PDB file of N, CA and C in Angstrom:
ATOM      1  N   MET A   1       0.928  -1.337   0.049  1.00  0.00           N
ATOM      2  CA  MET A   1      -0.057   0.071   0.024  1.00  0.00           C
ATOM      3  C   MET A   1       1.051   1.215  -0.041  1.00  0.00           C
ATOM      4  N   SER A   2       0.477   2.321  -0.430  1.00  0.00           N
ATOM      5  CA  SER A   2       1.326   3.504  -0.491  1.00  0.00           C
ATOM      6  C   SER A   2       1.076   4.187   0.450  1.00  0.00           C
ATOM      7  N   LYS A   3       1.983   5.144   0.897  1.00  0.00           N
ATOM      8  CA  LYS A   3       2.125   5.754   2.420  1.00  0.00           C
ATOM      9  C   LYS A   3       0.966   6.886   2.148  1.00  0.00           C
ATOM     10  N   THR A   4       0.444   7.296   1.309  1.00  0.00           N
ATOM     11  CA  THR A   4      -0.585   8.267   1.138  1.00  0.00           C
ATOM     12  C   THR A   4      -1.932   7.502   1.518  1.00  0.00           C
ATOM     13  N   LYS A   5      -1.961   6.487   0.959  1.00  0.00           N
ATOM     14  CA  LYS A   5      -3.235   5.618   1.292  1.00  0.00           C
ATOM     15  C   LYS A   5      -3.275   5.263   2.734  1.00  0.00           C
ATOM     16  N   ARG A   6      -2.268   4.790   3.299  1.00  0.00           N
ATOM     17  CA  ARG A   6      -2.329   4.444   4.959  1.00  0.00           C
ATOM     18  C   ARG A   6      -2.233   5.817   5.581  1.00  0.00           C
ATOM     19  N   GLY A   7      -1.937   6.849   5.242  1.00  0.00           N
ATOM     20  CA  GLY A   7      -2.016   8.069   5.944  1.00  0.00           C
ATOM     21  C   GLY A   7      -3.472   8.569   5.935  1.00  0.00           C
ATOM     22  N   LEU A   8      -3.989   8.480   4.638  1.00  0.00           N
ATOM     23  CA  LEU A   8      -5.491   8.828   4.405  1.00  0.00           C
ATOM     24  C   LEU A   8      -6.424   8.026   5.099  1.00  0.00           C
ATOM     25  N   ALA A   9      -6.089   6.740   5.551  1.00  0.00           N
ATOM     26  CA  ALA A   9      -6.973   5.818   6.199  1.00  0.00           C
ATOM     27  C   ALA A   9      -6.952   6.230   7.584  1.00  0.00           C
ATOM     28  N   ASN A  10      -5.804   6.729   8.263  1.00  0.00           N
ATOM     29  CA  ASN A  10      -5.531   7.185   9.466  1.00  0.00           C
ATOM     30  C   ASN A  10      -5.931   8.553   9.773  1.00  0.00           C
ATOM     31  N   SER A  11      -6.144   9.277   8.884  1.00  0.00           N
ATOM     32  CA  SER A  11      -6.493  10.954   8.979  1.00  0.00           C
ATOM     33  C   SER A  11      -7.877  11.147   9.051  1.00  0.00           C
ATOM     34  N   ILE A  12      -8.772  10.572   8.175  1.00  0.00           N
ATOM     35  CA  ILE A  12     -10.193  10.534   7.963  1.00  0.00           C
ATOM     36  C   ILE A  12     -10.815   9.466   8.728  1.00  0.00           C
ATOM     37  N   THR A  13     -11.931   9.942   9.679  1.00  0.00           N
ATOM     38  CA  THR A  13     -12.378   8.790  10.212  1.00  0.00           C
ATOM     39  C   THR A  13     -13.584   8.388   9.457  1.00  0.00           C
ATOM     40  N   PRO A  14     -13.725   7.032   9.506  1.00  0.00           N
ATOM     41  CA  PRO A  14     -14.530   6.217   8.619  1.00  0.00           C
ATOM     42  C   PRO A  14     -16.131   6.422   8.889  1.00  0.00           C
ATOM     43  N   TRP A  15     -16.321   7.080  10.169  1.00  0.00           N
ATOM     44  CA  TRP A  15     -17.613   7.259  10.570  1.00  0.00           C
ATOM     45  C   TRP A  15     -18.234   8.646  10.095  1.00  0.00           C
ATOM     46  N   VAL A  16     -19.563   8.596   9.862  1.00  0.00           N
ATOM     47  CA  VAL A  16     -20.224   9.737   9.135  1.00  0.00           C
ATOM     48  C   VAL A  16     -20.363  10.716  10.350  1.00  0.00           C
ATOM     49  N   GLU A  17     -19.816  12.138  10.054  1.00  0.00           N
ATOM     50  CA  GLU A  17     -20.036  12.923  11.201  1.00  0.00           C
ATOM     51  C   GLU A  17     -20.835  14.310  10.463  1.00  0.00           C
ATOM     52  N   THR A  18     -21.609  14.935  11.241  1.00  0.00           N
ATOM     53  CA  THR A  18     -22.444  16.070  10.694  1.00  0.00           C
ATOM     54  C   THR A  18     -21.406  17.204  10.292  1.00  0.00           C
ATOM     55  N   LYS A  19     -21.688  17.839   9.112  1.00  0.00           N
ATOM     56  CA  LYS A  19     -20.856  18.958   8.737  1.00  0.00           C
ATOM     57  C   LYS A  19     -21.842  20.155   8.654  1.00  0.00           C
ATOM     58  N   SER A  20     -21.376  21.318   8.954  1.00  0.00           N
ATOM     59  CA  SER A  20     -22.210  22.717   8.966  1.00  0.00           C
ATOM     60  C   SER A  20     -22.673  22.803   7.430  1.00  0.00           C
ATOM     61  N   ILE A  21     -23.737  22.888   7.008  1.00  0.00           N
ATOM     62  CA  ILE A  21     -24.462  23.284   5.946  1.00  0.00           C
ATOM     63  C   ILE A  21     -23.853  24.644   5.414  1.00  0.00           C
ATOM     64  N   MET A  22     -23.556  25.363   6.312  1.00  0.00           N
ATOM     65  CA  MET A  22     -23.145  26.983   6.039  1.00  0.00           C
ATOM     66  C   MET A  22     -21.633  26.756   5.569  1.00  0.00           C
ATOM     67  N   ASP A  23     -20.789  26.041   6.240  1.00  0.00           N
ATOM     68  CA  ASP A  23     -19.494  25.807   5.909  1.00  0.00           C
ATOM     69  C   ASP A  23     -19.353  25.365   4.504  1.00  0.00           C
ATOM     70  N   ILE A  24     -20.400  24.338   4.080  1.00  0.00           N
ATOM     71  CA  ILE A  24     -20.257  23.825   2.628  1.00  0.00           C
ATOM     72  C   ILE A  24     -20.678  24.925   1.729  1.00  0.00           C
ATOM     73  N   LYS A  25     -21.729  25.445   2.148  1.00  0.00           N
ATOM     74  CA  LYS A  25     -22.437  26.424   0.943  1.00  0.00           C
ATOM     75  C   LYS A  25     -21.598  27.712   1.179  1.00  0.00           C
ATOM     76  N   ASN A  26     -20.709  28.290   1.868  1.00  0.00           N
ATOM     77  CA  ASN A  26     -19.962  29.444   1.862  1.00  0.00           C
ATOM     78  C   ASN A  26     -18.770  29.055   0.869  1.00  0.00           C
ATOM     79  N   LYS A  27     -18.289  27.947   0.706  1.00  0.00           N
ATOM     80  CA  LYS A  27     -17.190  27.837  -0.267  1.00  0.00           C
ATOM     81  C   LYS A  27     -17.667  28.131  -1.744  1.00  0.00           C
ATOM     82  N   THR A  28     -18.867  27.924  -2.345  1.00  0.00           N
ATOM     83  CA  THR A  28     -19.220  28.334  -3.559  1.00  0.00           C
ATOM     84  C   THR A  28     -20.150  29.361  -3.594  1.00  0.00           C
ATOM     85  N   GLY A  29     -21.005  29.388  -2.611  1.00  0.00           N
ATOM     86  CA  GLY A  29     -22.185  30.466  -2.518  1.00  0.00           C
ATOM     87  C   GLY A  29     -23.429  29.885  -2.620  1.00  0.00           C
ATOM     88  N   ASN A  30     -23.503  28.181  -2.996  1.00  0.00           N
ATOM     89  CA  ASN A  30     -24.629  27.612  -3.533  1.00  0.00           C
ATOM     90  C   ASN A  30     -24.246  26.186  -2.947  1.00  0.00           C
ATOM     91  N   VAL A  31     -25.185  25.820  -2.218  1.00  0.00           N
ATOM     92  CA  VAL A  31     -25.075  24.704  -1.486  1.00  0.00           C
ATOM     93  C   VAL A  31     -25.317  23.229  -2.528  1.00  0.00           C
ATOM     94  N   TYR A  32     -25.999  23.492  -3.710  1.00  0.00           N
ATOM     95  CA  TYR A  32     -26.341  22.532  -4.611  1.00  0.00           C
ATOM     96  C   TYR A  32     -24.864  22.456  -5.417  1.00  0.00           C
ATOM     97  N   GLU A  33     -24.309  23.538  -5.642  1.00  0.00           N
ATOM     98  CA  GLU A  33     -23.079  23.838  -6.361  1.00  0.00           C
ATOM     99  C   GLU A  33     -21.817  22.905  -5.692  1.00  0.00           C
ATOM    100  N   SER A  34     -21.793  23.221  -4.320  1.00  0.00           N
ATOM    101  CA  SER A  34     -20.885  22.470  -3.629  1.00  0.00           C
ATOM    102  C   SER A  34     -20.927  20.950  -3.536  1.00  0.00           C
ATOM    103  N   ILE A  35     -22.269  20.480  -3.445  1.00  0.00           N
ATOM    104  CA  ILE A  35     -22.701  19.185  -3.190  1.00  0.00           C
ATOM    105  C   ILE A  35     -22.343  18.607  -4.514  1.00  0.00           C
ATOM    106  N   ALA A  36     -22.572  19.225  -5.697  1.00  0.00           N
ATOM    107  CA  ALA A  36     -22.248  18.667  -7.186  1.00  0.00           C
ATOM    108  C   ALA A  36     -20.715  18.406  -7.207  1.00  0.00           C
ATOM    109  N   ILE A  37     -19.831  19.598  -6.528  1.00  0.00           N
ATOM    110  CA  ILE A  37     -18.404  19.416  -6.782  1.00  0.00           C
ATOM    111  C   ILE A  37     -18.015  18.347  -5.857  1.00  0.00           C
ATOM    112  N   VAL A  38     -18.560  17.792  -4.640  1.00  0.00           N
ATOM    113  CA  VAL A  38     -18.044  16.768  -3.901  1.00  0.00           C
ATOM    114  C   VAL A  38     -18.413  15.585  -4.396  1.00  0.00           C
ATOM    115  N   ALA A  39     -19.574  15.457  -4.973  1.00  0.00           N
ATOM    116  CA  ALA A  39     -20.095  14.241  -5.671  1.00  0.00           C
ATOM    117  C   ALA A  39     -18.992  13.758  -6.791  1.00  0.00           C
ATOM    118  N   LYS A  40     -18.500  14.817  -7.575  1.00  0.00           N
ATOM    119  CA  LYS A  40     -17.730  14.485  -8.822  1.00  0.00           C
ATOM    120  C   LYS A  40     -16.357  14.054  -8.050  1.00  0.00           C
ATOM    121  N   ARG A  41     -16.140  14.873  -7.012  1.00  0.00           N
ATOM    122  CA  ARG A  41     -14.704  14.255  -6.518  1.00  0.00           C
ATOM    123  C   ARG A  41     -14.806  12.866  -5.913  1.00  0.00           C
ATOM    124  N   ALA A  42     -16.014  12.636  -5.225  1.00  0.00           N
ATOM    125  CA  ALA A  42     -16.104  11.175  -4.785  1.00  0.00           C
ATOM    126  C   ALA A  42     -16.102  10.126  -5.760  1.00  0.00           C
ATOM    127  N   ASN A  43     -16.497  10.419  -6.973  1.00  0.00           N
ATOM    128  CA  ASN A  43     -16.697   9.610  -8.165  1.00  0.00           C
ATOM    129  C   ASN A  43     -15.200   9.295  -8.426  1.00  0.00           C
ATOM    130  N   GLN A  44     -14.426  10.360  -8.351  1.00  0.00           N
ATOM    131  CA  GLN A  44     -12.982  10.335  -8.965  1.00  0.00           C
ATOM    132  C   GLN A  44     -12.310   9.459  -8.005  1.00  0.00           C
ATOM    133  N   ILE A  45     -12.504   9.683  -6.667  1.00  0.00           N
ATOM    134  CA  ILE A  45     -11.708   8.707  -5.575  1.00  0.00           C
ATOM    135  C   ILE A  45     -12.222   7.352  -5.889  1.00  0.00           C
ATOM    136  N   ASN A  46     -13.398   7.122  -5.881  1.00  0.00           N
ATOM    137  CA  ASN A  46     -14.028   5.724  -6.004  1.00  0.00           C
ATOM    138  C   ASN A  46     -13.538   5.083  -7.346  1.00  0.00           C
ATOM    139  N   VAL A  47     -13.381   5.735  -8.423  1.00  0.00           N
ATOM    140  CA  VAL A  47     -12.681   5.172  -9.763  1.00  0.00           C
ATOM    141  C   VAL A  47     -11.267   4.708  -9.570  1.00  0.00           C
ATOM    142  N   SER A  48     -10.590   5.572  -8.784  1.00  0.00           N
ATOM    143  CA  SER A  48      -9.104   5.240  -8.713  1.00  0.00           C
ATOM    144  C   SER A  48      -8.876   4.183  -7.782  1.00  0.00           C
ATOM    145  N   VAL A  49      -9.695   4.189  -6.618  1.00  0.00           N
ATOM    146  CA  VAL A  49      -9.419   3.360  -5.575  1.00  0.00           C
ATOM    147  C   VAL A  49      -9.765   1.882  -6.189  1.00  0.00           C
ATOM    148  N   LYS A  50     -11.009   1.854  -7.003  1.00  0.00           N
ATOM    149  CA  LYS A  50     -11.361   0.638  -7.642  1.00  0.00           C
ATOM    150  C   LYS A  50     -10.478   0.084  -8.580  1.00  0.00           C
ATOM    151  N   GLU A  51      -9.725   0.869  -9.438  1.00  0.00           N
ATOM    152  CA  GLU A  51      -8.589   0.581 -10.360  1.00  0.00           C
ATOM    153  C   GLU A  51      -7.631  -0.084  -9.495  1.00  0.00           C
ATOM    154  N   GLU A  52      -7.158   0.561  -8.569  1.00  0.00           N
ATOM    155  CA  GLU A  52      -5.865   0.225  -7.686  1.00  0.00           C
ATOM    156  C   GLU A  52      -6.153  -1.141  -6.998  1.00  0.00           C
ATOM    157  N   LEU A  53      -7.255  -1.335  -6.407  1.00  0.00           N
ATOM    158  CA  LEU A  53      -7.650  -2.634  -5.873  1.00  0.00           C
ATOM    159  C   LEU A  53      -7.703  -3.828  -6.880  1.00  0.00           C
ATOM    160  N   HIS A  54      -8.256  -3.429  -8.117  1.00  0.00           N
ATOM    161  CA  HIS A  54      -8.361  -4.442  -9.008  1.00  0.00           C
ATOM    162  C   HIS A  54      -6.872  -4.885  -9.674  1.00  0.00           C
ATOM    163  N   SER A  55      -6.097  -3.867  -9.635  1.00  0.00           N
ATOM    164  CA  SER A  55      -4.811  -4.271 -10.247  1.00  0.00           C
ATOM    165  C   SER A  55      -4.015  -5.009  -9.175  1.00  0.00           C
ATOM    166  N   LYS A  56      -4.128  -4.693  -7.981  1.00  0.00           N
ATOM    167  CA  LYS A  56      -3.565  -5.521  -6.963  1.00  0.00           C
ATOM    168  C   LYS A  56      -3.995  -6.951  -6.939  1.00  0.00           C
ATOM    169  N   LEU A  57      -5.229  -7.045  -6.996  1.00  0.00           N
ATOM    170  CA  LEU A  57      -5.925  -8.494  -6.821  1.00  0.00           C
ATOM    171  C   LEU A  57      -5.801  -9.310  -8.110  1.00  0.00           C
ATOM    172  N   GLU A  58      -5.618  -8.484  -9.333  1.00  0.00           N
ATOM    173  CA  GLU A  58      -5.282  -9.430 -10.519  1.00  0.00           C
ATOM    174  C   GLU A  58      -4.235 -10.240 -10.435  1.00  0.00           C
ATOM    175  N   GLU A  59      -3.151  -9.671  -9.608  1.00  0.00           N
ATOM    176  CA  GLU A  59      -1.861 -10.950  -9.512  1.00  0.00           C
ATOM    177  C   GLU A  59      -2.329 -12.232  -8.969  1.00  0.00           C
ATOM    178  N   PHE A  60      -3.224 -12.105  -8.002  1.00  0.00           N
ATOM    179  CA  PHE A  60      -3.828 -13.379  -7.393  1.00  0.00           C
ATOM    180  C   PHE A  60      -4.908 -13.919  -8.350  1.00  0.00           C
ATOM    181  N   ALA A  61      -5.175 -13.586  -9.399  1.00  0.00           N
ATOM    182  CA  ALA A  61      -6.470 -14.196 -10.081  1.00  0.00           C
ATOM    183  C   ALA A  61      -6.160 -15.602 -10.783  1.00  0.00           C
ATOM    184  N   SER A  62      -6.869 -16.538 -10.694  1.00  0.00           N
ATOM    185  CA  SER A  62      -6.639 -17.670 -11.240  1.00  0.00           C
ATOM    186  C   SER A  62      -7.602 -17.804 -12.470  1.00  0.00           C
ATOM    187  N   HIS A  63      -6.684 -18.230 -13.520  1.00  0.00           N
ATOM    188  CA  HIS A  63      -7.529 -18.353 -14.961  1.00  0.00           C
ATOM    189  C   HIS A  63      -8.145 -19.654 -15.292  1.00  0.00           C
ATOM    190  N   THR A  64      -8.187 -20.600 -14.324  1.00  0.00           N
ATOM    191  CA  THR A  64      -8.893 -21.783 -14.497  1.00  0.00           C
ATOM    192  C   THR A  64     -10.070 -21.832 -14.200  1.00  0.00           C
ATOM    193  N   ASP A  65     -10.983 -22.730 -14.782  1.00  0.00           N
ATOM    194  CA  ASP A  65     -12.477 -22.916 -14.269  1.00  0.00           C
ATOM    195  C   ASP A  65     -12.601 -24.074 -13.269  1.00  0.00           C
ATOM    196  N   ASN A  66     -11.401 -24.668 -12.649  1.00  0.00           N
ATOM    197  CA  ASN A  66     -11.913 -25.814 -11.753  1.00  0.00           C
ATOM    198  C   ASN A  66     -11.932 -25.049 -10.454  1.00  0.00           C
ATOM    199  N   LEU A  67     -13.223 -25.410  -9.895  1.00  0.00           N
ATOM    200  CA  LEU A  67     -13.625 -24.940  -8.284  1.00  0.00           C
ATOM    201  C   LEU A  67     -12.675 -25.573  -7.493  1.00  0.00           C
ATOM    202  N   GLU A  68     -12.029 -26.709  -7.636  1.00  0.00           N
ATOM    203  CA  GLU A  68     -11.478 -27.318  -6.597  1.00  0.00           C
ATOM    204  C   GLU A  68     -10.034 -26.570  -6.315  1.00  0.00           C
ATOM    205  N   GLU A  69      -9.588 -25.952  -7.430  1.00  0.00           N
ATOM    206  CA  GLU A  69      -8.373 -25.318  -7.131  1.00  0.00           C
ATOM    207  C   GLU A  69      -8.372 -23.923  -6.450  1.00  0.00           C
ATOM    208  N   ILE A  70      -9.450 -23.503  -6.120  1.00  0.00           N
ATOM    209  CA  ILE A  70      -9.528 -22.119  -5.446  1.00  0.00           C
ATOM    210  C   ILE A  70      -9.061 -22.174  -3.966  1.00  0.00           C
ATOM    211  N   HIS A  71      -8.154 -21.382  -3.640  1.00  0.00           N
ATOM    212  CA  HIS A  71      -7.519 -21.372  -2.377  1.00  0.00           C
ATOM    213  C   HIS A  71      -7.480 -20.131  -1.786  1.00  0.00           C
ATOM    214  N   GLU A  72      -7.370 -19.797  -0.532  1.00  0.00           N
ATOM    215  CA  GLU A  72      -7.123 -18.647   0.263  1.00  0.00           C
ATOM    216  C   GLU A  72      -5.780 -17.983   0.208  1.00  0.00           C
ATOM    217  N   ASN A  73      -5.405 -16.913  -0.088  1.00  0.00           N
ATOM    218  CA  ASN A  73      -4.250 -16.197  -0.053  1.00  0.00           C
ATOM    219  C   ASN A  73      -4.306 -15.159   1.062  1.00  0.00           C
ATOM    220  N   LYS A  74      -3.442 -15.399   1.880  1.00  0.00           N
ATOM    221  CA  LYS A  74      -3.290 -14.396   3.092  1.00  0.00           C
ATOM    222  C   LYS A  74      -3.019 -12.990   2.389  1.00  0.00           C
ATOM    223  N   GLU A  75      -2.264 -12.696   1.534  1.00  0.00           N
ATOM    224  CA  GLU A  75      -1.883 -11.632   1.235  1.00  0.00           C
ATOM    225  C   GLU A  75      -3.064 -10.784   0.633  1.00  0.00           C
ATOM    226  N   GLN A  76      -3.947 -11.652  -0.367  1.00  0.00           N
ATOM    227  CA  GLN A  76      -5.099 -11.213  -0.900  1.00  0.00           C
ATOM    228  C   GLN A  76      -6.307 -10.651   0.124  1.00  0.00           C
ATOM    229  N   ILE A  77      -6.228 -11.386   1.199  1.00  0.00           N
ATOM    230  CA  ILE A  77      -7.334 -11.295   2.292  1.00  0.00           C
ATOM    231  C   ILE A  77      -6.763  -9.869   2.913  1.00  0.00           C
ATOM    232  N   GLU A  78      -5.446  -9.857   3.308  1.00  0.00           N
ATOM    233  CA  GLU A  78      -5.082  -8.539   3.770  1.00  0.00           C
ATOM    234  C   GLU A  78      -5.225  -7.272   3.006  1.00  0.00           C
ATOM    235  N   ILE A  79      -5.022  -7.363   1.676  1.00  0.00           N
ATOM    236  CA  ILE A  79      -5.190  -6.180   0.738  1.00  0.00           C
ATOM    237  C   ILE A  79      -6.736  -5.931   0.765  1.00  0.00           C
ATOM    238  N   SER A  80      -7.588  -6.888   0.694  1.00  0.00           N
ATOM    239  CA  SER A  80      -9.123  -6.679   0.663  1.00  0.00           C
ATOM    240  C   SER A  80      -9.419  -5.977   1.887  1.00  0.00           C
ATOM    241  N   ARG A  81      -8.882  -6.413   3.025  1.00  0.00           N
ATOM    242  CA  ARG A  81      -9.406  -5.849   4.413  1.00  0.00           C
ATOM    243  C   ARG A  81      -9.082  -4.165   4.424  1.00  0.00           C
ATOM    244  N   PHE A  82      -7.607  -4.099   3.824  1.00  0.00           N
ATOM    245  CA  PHE A  82      -7.254  -2.679   4.043  1.00  0.00           C
ATOM    246  C   PHE A  82      -8.072  -1.880   3.265  1.00  0.00           C
ATOM    247  N   TYR A  83      -8.392  -2.056   1.997  1.00  0.00           N
ATOM    248  CA  TYR A  83      -9.384  -1.430   1.276  1.00  0.00           C
ATOM    249  C   TYR A  83     -10.901  -1.248   1.845  1.00  0.00           C
ATOM    250  N   GLU A  84     -11.304  -2.281   2.550  1.00  0.00           N
ATOM    251  CA  GLU A  84     -12.471  -2.290   3.302  1.00  0.00           C
ATOM    252  C   GLU A  84     -12.535  -1.010   4.251  1.00  0.00           C
ATOM    253  N   LYS A  85     -11.350  -0.965   5.143  1.00  0.00           N
ATOM    254  CA  LYS A  85     -11.358  -0.185   6.099  1.00  0.00           C
ATOM    255  C   LYS A  85     -11.107   1.222   5.696  1.00  0.00           C
ATOM    256  N   LEU A  86     -10.817   1.652   4.394  1.00  0.00           N
ATOM    257  CA  LEU A  86     -10.644   2.938   3.832  1.00  0.00           C
ATOM    258  C   LEU A  86     -12.084   3.802   4.046  1.00  0.00           C
ATOM    259  N   PRO A  87     -12.080   5.124   4.201  1.00  0.00           N
ATOM    260  CA  PRO A  87     -13.169   5.772   4.493  1.00  0.00           C
ATOM    261  C   PRO A  87     -13.798   5.697   3.165  1.00  0.00           C
ATOM    262  N   ASN A  88     -15.282   5.989   3.147  1.00  0.00           N
ATOM    263  CA  ASN A  88     -16.050   6.151   2.099  1.00  0.00           C
ATOM    264  C   ASN A  88     -15.486   7.353   1.107  1.00  0.00           C
ATOM    265  N   PRO A  89     -15.721   6.980  -0.030  1.00  0.00           N
ATOM    266  CA  PRO A  89     -15.056   8.268  -1.047  1.00  0.00           C
ATOM    267  C   PRO A  89     -15.823   9.540  -0.885  1.00  0.00           C
ATOM    268  N   ALA A  90     -17.284   9.433  -0.338  1.00  0.00           N
ATOM    269  CA  ALA A  90     -18.029  10.643  -0.155  1.00  0.00           C
ATOM    270  C   ALA A  90     -17.374  11.598   1.100  1.00  0.00           C
ATOM    271  N   LEU A  91     -16.853  10.757   2.078  1.00  0.00           N
ATOM    272  CA  LEU A  91     -16.564  11.223   3.114  1.00  0.00           C
ATOM    273  C   LEU A  91     -15.297  12.015   3.084  1.00  0.00           C
ATOM    274  N   GLN A  92     -14.408  11.283   2.195  1.00  0.00           N
ATOM    275  CA  GLN A  92     -13.034  11.808   1.813  1.00  0.00           C
ATOM    276  C   GLN A  92     -13.177  12.931   0.901  1.00  0.00           C
ATOM    277  N   ALA A  93     -14.084  13.126   0.039  1.00  0.00           N
ATOM    278  CA  ALA A  93     -14.309  14.264  -0.732  1.00  0.00           C
ATOM    279  C   ALA A  93     -14.810  15.254  -0.126  1.00  0.00           C
ATOM    280  N   THR A  94     -15.790  15.086   0.800  1.00  0.00           N
ATOM    281  CA  THR A  94     -16.293  16.271   1.821  1.00  0.00           C
ATOM    282  C   THR A  94     -15.071  16.676   2.646  1.00  0.00           C
ATOM    283  N   GLN A  95     -14.376  16.141   3.079  1.00  0.00           N
ATOM    284  CA  GLN A  95     -13.066  16.519   3.795  1.00  0.00           C
ATOM    285  C   GLN A  95     -12.043  17.176   3.164  1.00  0.00           C
ATOM    286  N   GLU A  96     -11.925  16.842   1.918  1.00  0.00           N
ATOM    287  CA  GLU A  96     -10.946  17.664   1.061  1.00  0.00           C
ATOM    288  C   GLU A  96     -11.537  18.845   0.501  1.00  0.00           C
ATOM    289  N   PHE A  97     -12.871  18.666   0.169  1.00  0.00           N
ATOM    290  CA  PHE A  97     -13.506  20.107  -0.070  1.00  0.00           C
ATOM    291  C   PHE A  97     -13.649  21.046   1.238  1.00  0.00           C
ATOM    292  N   LEU A  98     -13.824  20.745   2.159  1.00  0.00           N
ATOM    293  CA  LEU A  98     -13.772  21.627   3.390  1.00  0.00           C
ATOM    294  C   LEU A  98     -12.458  22.051   3.748  1.00  0.00           C
ATOM    295  N   GLU A  99     -11.328  21.367   3.255  1.00  0.00           N
ATOM    296  CA  GLU A  99     -10.048  21.772   3.627  1.00  0.00           C
ATOM    297  C   GLU A  99      -9.316  22.556   2.324  1.00  0.00           C
ATOM    298  N   ASP A 100     -10.345  22.902   1.423  1.00  0.00           N
ATOM    299  CA  ASP A 100      -9.865  23.588   0.232  1.00  0.00           C
ATOM    300  C   ASP A 100      -8.829  22.791  -0.424  1.00  0.00           C
ATOM    301  N   LYS A 101      -8.676  21.520  -0.568  1.00  0.00           N
ATOM    302  CA  LYS A 101      -8.005  20.703  -1.302  1.00  0.00           C
ATOM    303  C   LYS A 101      -8.407  20.104  -2.557  1.00  0.00           C
ATOM    304  N   VAL A 102      -9.607  20.729  -2.959  1.00  0.00           N
ATOM    305  CA  VAL A 102     -10.149  20.443  -4.152  1.00  0.00           C
ATOM    306  C   VAL A 102     -10.197  21.681  -5.174  1.00  0.00           C
ATOM    307  N   TYR A 103      -9.722  21.424  -6.230  1.00  0.00           N
ATOM    308  CA  TYR A 103      -9.716  22.514  -7.412  1.00  0.00           C
ATOM    309  C   TYR A 103     -11.057  22.327  -8.156  1.00  0.00           C
ATOM    310  N   TYR A 104     -11.732  23.248  -8.302  1.00  0.00           N
ATOM    311  CA  TYR A 104     -13.030  23.563  -9.217  1.00  0.00           C
ATOM    312  C   TYR A 104     -12.955  24.853  -9.856  1.00  0.00           C
ATOM    313  N   ARG A 105     -13.847  24.726 -11.034  1.00  0.00           N
ATOM    314  CA  ARG A 105     -13.917  26.049 -11.579  1.00  0.00           C
ATOM    315  C   ARG A 105     -15.297  26.038 -12.372  1.00  0.00           C
ATOM    316  N   LYS A 106     -15.829  27.345 -12.503  1.00  0.00           N
ATOM    317  CA  LYS A 106     -17.060  27.245 -13.112  1.00  0.00           C
ATOM    318  C   LYS A 106     -17.031  27.337 -14.702  1.00  0.00           C
ATOM    319  N   ASN A 107     -17.854  26.791 -15.205  1.00  0.00           N
ATOM    320  CA  ASN A 107     -17.849  26.867 -16.771  1.00  0.00           C
ATOM    321  C   ASN A 107     -18.291  27.950 -17.215  1.00  0.00           C
ATOM    322  N   GLU A 108     -17.681  28.810 -18.105  1.00  0.00           N
ATOM    323  CA  GLU A 108     -18.146  30.232 -18.612  1.00  0.00           C
ATOM    324  C   GLU A 108     -19.528  30.095 -19.384  1.00  0.00           C
ATOM    325  N   GLU A 109     -19.463  28.930 -20.190  1.00  0.00           N
ATOM    326  CA  GLU A 109     -20.715  28.752 -21.027  1.00  0.00           C
ATOM    327  C   GLU A 109     -22.041  28.449 -20.160  1.00  0.00           C
ATOM    328  N   ASP A 110     -22.038  27.881 -18.913  1.00  0.00           N
ATOM    329  CA  ASP A 110     -22.990  27.756 -18.090  1.00  0.00           C
ATOM    330  C   ASP A 110     -23.365  28.929 -17.606  1.00  0.00           C
ATOM    331  N   LEU A 111     -22.560  30.205 -17.225  1.00  0.00           N
ATOM    332  CA  LEU A 111     -22.879  31.287 -16.633  1.00  0.00           C
ATOM    333  C   LEU A 111     -23.902  32.228 -17.494  1.00  0.00           C
ATOM    334  N   PHE A 112     -23.579  31.903 -18.955  1.00  0.00           N
ATOM    335  CA  PHE A 112     -24.387  32.843 -19.665  1.00  0.00           C
ATOM    336  C   PHE A 112     -25.660  32.135 -20.613  1.00  0.00           C
ATOM    337  N   SER A 113     -25.940  30.753 -20.219  1.00  0.00           N
ATOM    338  CA  SER A 113     -26.967  30.164 -20.713  1.00  0.00           C
ATOM    339  C   SER A 113     -28.240  30.407 -19.997  1.00  0.00           C
TER     340      SER A 113
END
């Protein structure tokens, strides 16, 4: 696992905590805009974590169809457990947004439509 993933797992609590709606709204001036930004960032995080997990588990993939040959691998189980303990992407995205770690911009075409 990368050091950033381990640090991320320790820095953000996996439990849902209430956030001030005014803090979220004040970042963009519109609560719906803020939530849309958080949702897009959560999707980005989810895709990257999923790709990383699948690439790591691909090493353990068996390409045979025989069910009797399936066996447990402790490394594979350890990797899966680590990724299960990571905070939800929506929680990560919200935390990043509130800490000003997310870059976003308004599309100029949307402003004049």
